[in-house]
N, C-alpha and C. Protein backbone atom coordinates (compact mmCIF):
# COMPACT_ATOMS: atom_id res chain seq x y z
N UNK A 1 171.91 115.99 188.25
CA UNK A 1 172.87 115.02 188.73
C UNK A 1 172.66 114.75 190.21
N UNK A 2 172.50 115.80 191.00
CA UNK A 2 172.31 115.58 192.44
C UNK A 2 170.93 115.00 192.71
N UNK A 3 169.96 115.28 191.84
CA UNK A 3 168.63 114.71 192.00
C UNK A 3 168.64 113.20 191.86
N UNK A 4 169.31 112.70 190.84
CA UNK A 4 169.36 111.25 190.64
C UNK A 4 170.18 110.59 191.73
N UNK A 5 171.21 111.26 192.23
CA UNK A 5 171.98 110.70 193.34
C UNK A 5 171.13 110.59 194.60
N UNK A 6 170.27 111.57 194.83
CA UNK A 6 169.36 111.51 195.97
C UNK A 6 168.38 110.35 195.81
N UNK A 7 167.89 110.17 194.57
CA UNK A 7 166.96 109.06 194.32
C UNK A 7 167.66 107.72 194.52
N UNK A 8 168.89 107.59 194.04
CA UNK A 8 169.64 106.35 194.25
C UNK A 8 169.83 106.07 195.74
N UNK A 9 170.17 107.11 196.49
CA UNK A 9 170.36 106.94 197.93
C UNK A 9 169.08 106.51 198.63
N UNK A 10 167.99 107.16 198.28
CA UNK A 10 166.70 106.80 198.88
C UNK A 10 166.29 105.38 198.50
N UNK A 11 166.45 105.05 197.24
CA UNK A 11 166.07 103.71 196.78
C UNK A 11 166.98 102.64 197.38
N UNK A 12 168.25 102.98 197.57
CA UNK A 12 169.16 102.03 198.21
C UNK A 12 168.74 101.73 199.63
N UNK A 13 168.32 102.75 200.35
CA UNK A 13 167.85 102.55 201.73
C UNK A 13 166.58 101.72 201.76
N UNK A 14 165.69 101.98 200.82
CA UNK A 14 164.44 101.21 200.76
C UNK A 14 164.75 99.77 200.38
N UNK A 15 165.63 99.57 199.40
CA UNK A 15 165.95 98.22 198.92
C UNK A 15 166.55 97.36 200.02
N UNK A 16 167.26 97.98 200.95
CA UNK A 16 167.85 97.23 202.06
C UNK A 16 166.81 96.69 203.03
N UNK A 17 165.60 97.23 202.98
CA UNK A 17 164.60 96.88 203.98
C UNK A 17 163.35 96.21 203.44
N UNK A 18 163.31 95.94 202.13
CA UNK A 18 162.13 95.30 201.54
C UNK A 18 162.58 94.11 200.69
N UNK A 19 161.62 93.36 200.21
CA UNK A 19 161.92 92.24 199.32
C UNK A 19 162.43 92.79 197.98
N UNK A 20 163.62 92.36 197.60
CA UNK A 20 164.21 92.86 196.35
C UNK A 20 163.39 92.45 195.13
N UNK A 21 162.77 91.31 195.20
CA UNK A 21 161.95 90.83 194.07
C UNK A 21 160.80 91.81 193.80
N UNK A 22 160.11 92.20 194.84
CA UNK A 22 158.99 93.13 194.68
C UNK A 22 159.49 94.53 194.34
N UNK A 23 160.59 94.92 194.94
CA UNK A 23 161.14 96.26 194.70
C UNK A 23 161.52 96.43 193.23
N UNK A 24 162.22 95.44 192.67
CA UNK A 24 162.59 95.50 191.25
C UNK A 24 161.36 95.42 190.35
N UNK A 25 160.39 94.60 190.73
CA UNK A 25 159.18 94.46 189.93
C UNK A 25 158.41 95.78 189.88
N UNK A 26 158.25 96.42 191.03
CA UNK A 26 157.56 97.71 191.06
C UNK A 26 158.32 98.74 190.24
N UNK A 27 159.64 98.74 190.35
CA UNK A 27 160.44 99.68 189.57
C UNK A 27 160.30 99.49 188.07
N UNK A 28 160.32 98.24 187.63
CA UNK A 28 160.20 97.97 186.19
C UNK A 28 158.80 98.28 185.67
N UNK A 29 157.79 97.89 186.42
CA UNK A 29 156.42 98.16 185.98
C UNK A 29 156.14 99.66 185.98
N UNK A 30 156.58 100.36 187.03
CA UNK A 30 156.40 101.81 187.07
C UNK A 30 157.10 102.51 185.93
N UNK A 31 158.33 102.09 185.64
CA UNK A 31 159.07 102.67 184.52
C UNK A 31 158.31 102.44 183.21
N UNK A 32 157.83 101.23 183.02
CA UNK A 32 157.11 100.89 181.79
C UNK A 32 155.84 101.72 181.62
N UNK A 33 155.08 101.86 182.69
CA UNK A 33 153.83 102.61 182.61
C UNK A 33 154.10 104.07 182.26
N UNK A 34 155.04 104.70 182.96
CA UNK A 34 155.26 106.12 182.73
C UNK A 34 156.00 106.39 181.42
N UNK A 35 156.82 105.44 180.96
CA UNK A 35 157.42 105.59 179.64
C UNK A 35 156.34 105.51 178.56
N UNK A 36 155.37 104.61 178.76
CA UNK A 36 154.27 104.51 177.80
C UNK A 36 153.44 105.79 177.80
N UNK A 37 153.18 106.34 178.99
CA UNK A 37 152.43 107.60 179.05
C UNK A 37 153.19 108.73 178.38
N UNK A 38 154.50 108.72 178.52
CA UNK A 38 155.30 109.75 177.87
C UNK A 38 155.24 109.58 176.34
N UNK A 39 155.31 108.34 175.91
CA UNK A 39 155.25 108.07 174.48
C UNK A 39 153.90 108.36 173.87
N UNK A 40 152.83 108.27 174.65
CA UNK A 40 151.49 108.52 174.13
C UNK A 40 151.11 110.00 174.15
N UNK A 41 152.04 110.85 174.55
CA UNK A 41 151.74 112.29 174.61
C UNK A 41 151.31 112.82 173.25
N UNK A 42 151.95 112.37 172.20
CA UNK A 42 151.59 112.85 170.87
C UNK A 42 150.18 112.40 170.49
N UNK A 43 149.87 111.16 170.84
CA UNK A 43 148.55 110.62 170.55
C UNK A 43 147.46 111.43 171.24
N UNK A 44 147.73 111.84 172.49
CA UNK A 44 146.77 112.63 173.26
C UNK A 44 146.94 114.13 173.05
N UNK A 45 147.79 114.51 172.10
CA UNK A 45 148.03 115.90 171.74
C UNK A 45 148.51 116.74 172.94
N UNK A 46 149.46 116.17 173.70
CA UNK A 46 150.05 116.87 174.84
C UNK A 46 151.39 117.41 174.39
N UNK A 47 151.57 118.72 174.45
CA UNK A 47 152.81 119.35 174.01
C UNK A 47 153.38 120.27 175.08
N UNK A 48 153.08 119.99 176.32
CA UNK A 48 153.49 120.83 177.44
C UNK A 48 154.87 120.40 177.95
N UNK A 49 155.77 121.35 178.06
CA UNK A 49 157.09 121.06 178.62
C UNK A 49 156.97 120.55 180.05
N UNK A 50 156.05 121.12 180.82
CA UNK A 50 155.86 120.69 182.21
C UNK A 50 155.48 119.22 182.29
N UNK A 51 154.63 118.76 181.36
CA UNK A 51 154.25 117.35 181.33
C UNK A 51 155.47 116.46 181.16
N UNK A 52 156.32 116.81 180.21
CA UNK A 52 157.50 115.99 179.94
C UNK A 52 158.50 116.04 181.08
N UNK A 53 158.65 117.18 181.71
CA UNK A 53 159.57 117.28 182.85
C UNK A 53 159.06 116.44 184.01
N UNK A 54 157.77 116.56 184.32
CA UNK A 54 157.19 115.77 185.41
C UNK A 54 157.29 114.28 185.12
N UNK A 55 156.99 113.90 183.90
CA UNK A 55 157.08 112.48 183.52
C UNK A 55 158.51 111.98 183.66
N UNK A 56 159.48 112.78 183.24
CA UNK A 56 160.88 112.36 183.31
C UNK A 56 161.34 112.21 184.76
N UNK A 57 160.86 113.08 185.64
CA UNK A 57 161.20 112.96 187.06
C UNK A 57 160.62 111.68 187.64
N UNK A 58 159.36 111.39 187.31
CA UNK A 58 158.74 110.16 187.80
C UNK A 58 159.45 108.94 187.24
N UNK A 59 159.76 108.96 185.96
CA UNK A 59 160.47 107.84 185.34
C UNK A 59 161.83 107.65 186.00
N UNK A 60 162.53 108.74 186.26
CA UNK A 60 163.82 108.66 186.94
C UNK A 60 163.72 108.05 188.32
N UNK A 61 162.65 108.38 189.03
CA UNK A 61 162.45 107.81 190.37
C UNK A 61 162.25 106.30 190.28
N UNK A 62 161.47 105.85 189.31
CA UNK A 62 161.29 104.40 189.16
C UNK A 62 162.56 103.72 188.66
N UNK A 63 163.28 104.36 187.74
CA UNK A 63 164.51 103.76 187.23
C UNK A 63 165.60 103.70 188.29
N UNK A 64 165.54 104.59 189.26
CA UNK A 64 166.54 104.59 190.33
C UNK A 64 166.42 103.36 191.23
N UNK A 65 165.34 102.61 191.10
CA UNK A 65 165.21 101.38 191.88
C UNK A 65 166.14 100.29 191.35
N UNK A 66 166.54 100.40 190.11
CA UNK A 66 167.30 99.32 189.46
C UNK A 66 168.67 99.09 190.03
N UNK A 67 169.51 100.10 190.02
CA UNK A 67 170.91 99.91 190.39
C UNK A 67 171.10 99.40 191.81
N UNK A 68 170.55 100.03 192.84
CA UNK A 68 170.79 99.53 194.19
C UNK A 68 170.26 98.12 194.40
N UNK A 69 169.11 97.82 193.83
CA UNK A 69 168.52 96.50 194.02
C UNK A 69 169.31 95.42 193.28
N UNK A 70 169.74 95.71 192.07
CA UNK A 70 170.50 94.71 191.30
C UNK A 70 171.85 94.44 191.95
N UNK A 71 172.49 95.48 192.46
CA UNK A 71 173.76 95.28 193.17
C UNK A 71 173.56 94.40 194.40
N UNK A 72 172.46 94.62 195.11
CA UNK A 72 172.16 93.78 196.28
C UNK A 72 171.87 92.34 195.87
N UNK A 73 171.14 92.16 194.78
CA UNK A 73 170.84 90.81 194.31
C UNK A 73 172.13 90.08 193.92
N UNK A 74 172.98 90.75 193.18
CA UNK A 74 174.25 90.12 192.78
C UNK A 74 175.09 89.81 194.02
N UNK A 75 175.09 90.71 194.98
CA UNK A 75 175.81 90.46 196.23
C UNK A 75 175.29 89.25 196.97
N UNK A 76 173.98 89.01 196.91
CA UNK A 76 173.39 87.84 197.57
C UNK A 76 173.65 86.56 196.81
N UNK A 77 173.68 86.62 195.49
CA UNK A 77 173.82 85.42 194.67
C UNK A 77 175.25 84.95 194.52
N UNK A 78 176.19 85.89 194.47
CA UNK A 78 177.57 85.57 194.13
C UNK A 78 178.42 85.64 195.39
N UNK A 79 179.33 84.68 195.52
CA UNK A 79 180.22 84.67 196.67
C UNK A 79 181.22 85.83 196.62
N UNK A 80 181.81 86.12 197.78
CA UNK A 80 182.72 87.26 197.88
C UNK A 80 183.96 87.10 196.99
N UNK A 81 184.39 85.88 196.75
CA UNK A 81 185.61 85.65 195.97
C UNK A 81 185.48 86.04 194.51
N UNK A 82 184.29 85.89 193.92
CA UNK A 82 184.12 86.18 192.50
C UNK A 82 183.20 87.38 192.24
N UNK A 83 182.81 88.07 193.29
CA UNK A 83 181.88 89.19 193.14
C UNK A 83 182.45 90.31 192.26
N UNK A 84 183.73 90.62 192.41
CA UNK A 84 184.35 91.67 191.60
C UNK A 84 184.36 91.33 190.12
N UNK A 85 184.68 90.08 189.80
CA UNK A 85 184.69 89.65 188.40
C UNK A 85 183.29 89.72 187.80
N UNK A 86 182.30 89.22 188.52
CA UNK A 86 180.93 89.22 188.02
C UNK A 86 180.43 90.66 187.83
N UNK A 87 180.70 91.53 188.80
CA UNK A 87 180.27 92.92 188.67
C UNK A 87 180.97 93.60 187.49
N UNK A 88 182.25 93.29 187.27
CA UNK A 88 182.97 93.86 186.14
C UNK A 88 182.39 93.43 184.81
N UNK A 89 182.08 92.16 184.70
CA UNK A 89 181.47 91.64 183.47
C UNK A 89 180.08 92.26 183.27
N UNK A 90 179.30 92.31 184.35
CA UNK A 90 177.95 92.84 184.25
C UNK A 90 177.98 94.33 183.89
N UNK A 91 178.89 95.08 184.46
CA UNK A 91 178.94 96.52 184.19
C UNK A 91 179.53 96.86 182.83
N UNK A 92 180.16 95.90 182.18
CA UNK A 92 180.72 96.17 180.85
C UNK A 92 179.65 96.15 179.75
N UNK A 93 178.42 95.82 180.10
CA UNK A 93 177.38 95.68 179.08
C UNK A 93 177.13 96.99 178.32
N UNK A 94 177.25 98.13 178.98
CA UNK A 94 177.00 99.38 178.27
C UNK A 94 178.10 99.66 177.24
N UNK A 95 179.33 99.38 177.62
CA UNK A 95 180.43 99.61 176.67
C UNK A 95 180.37 98.62 175.51
N UNK A 96 180.12 97.37 175.82
CA UNK A 96 180.04 96.36 174.76
C UNK A 96 178.86 96.67 173.84
N UNK A 97 177.74 97.08 174.40
CA UNK A 97 176.59 97.45 173.58
C UNK A 97 176.89 98.61 172.65
N UNK A 98 177.61 99.60 173.16
CA UNK A 98 177.97 100.74 172.31
C UNK A 98 178.92 100.32 171.20
N UNK A 99 179.85 99.44 171.50
CA UNK A 99 180.80 98.99 170.49
C UNK A 99 180.07 98.18 169.41
N UNK A 100 179.20 97.27 169.83
CA UNK A 100 178.47 96.45 168.86
C UNK A 100 177.46 97.25 168.06
N UNK A 101 176.97 98.33 168.62
CA UNK A 101 175.98 99.16 167.94
C UNK A 101 176.58 100.08 166.90
N UNK A 102 177.88 100.24 166.89
CA UNK A 102 178.53 101.17 165.95
C UNK A 102 178.60 100.60 164.59
């Protein structure tokens, strides 16, 4: 828990100082590559716990780019008057997805 919070904090600081478009792109591509490598472990006959732990840490670092950057993008796109409503609707996607998936 504290590890992911540290990653969010670091990524938030980086996101404030770089192009959000590139930052999100690197995060998504990095996540995709390392998720694919994790999924191909069986194909390559890798059964090491250390491999999976290291891969999960790397994947978490790339996934941590998402939240701070997306919040900044929404903050830039949406005016202050409707920002709370838009963030509320956007953040409800996990709950709505769980309800629809049942």
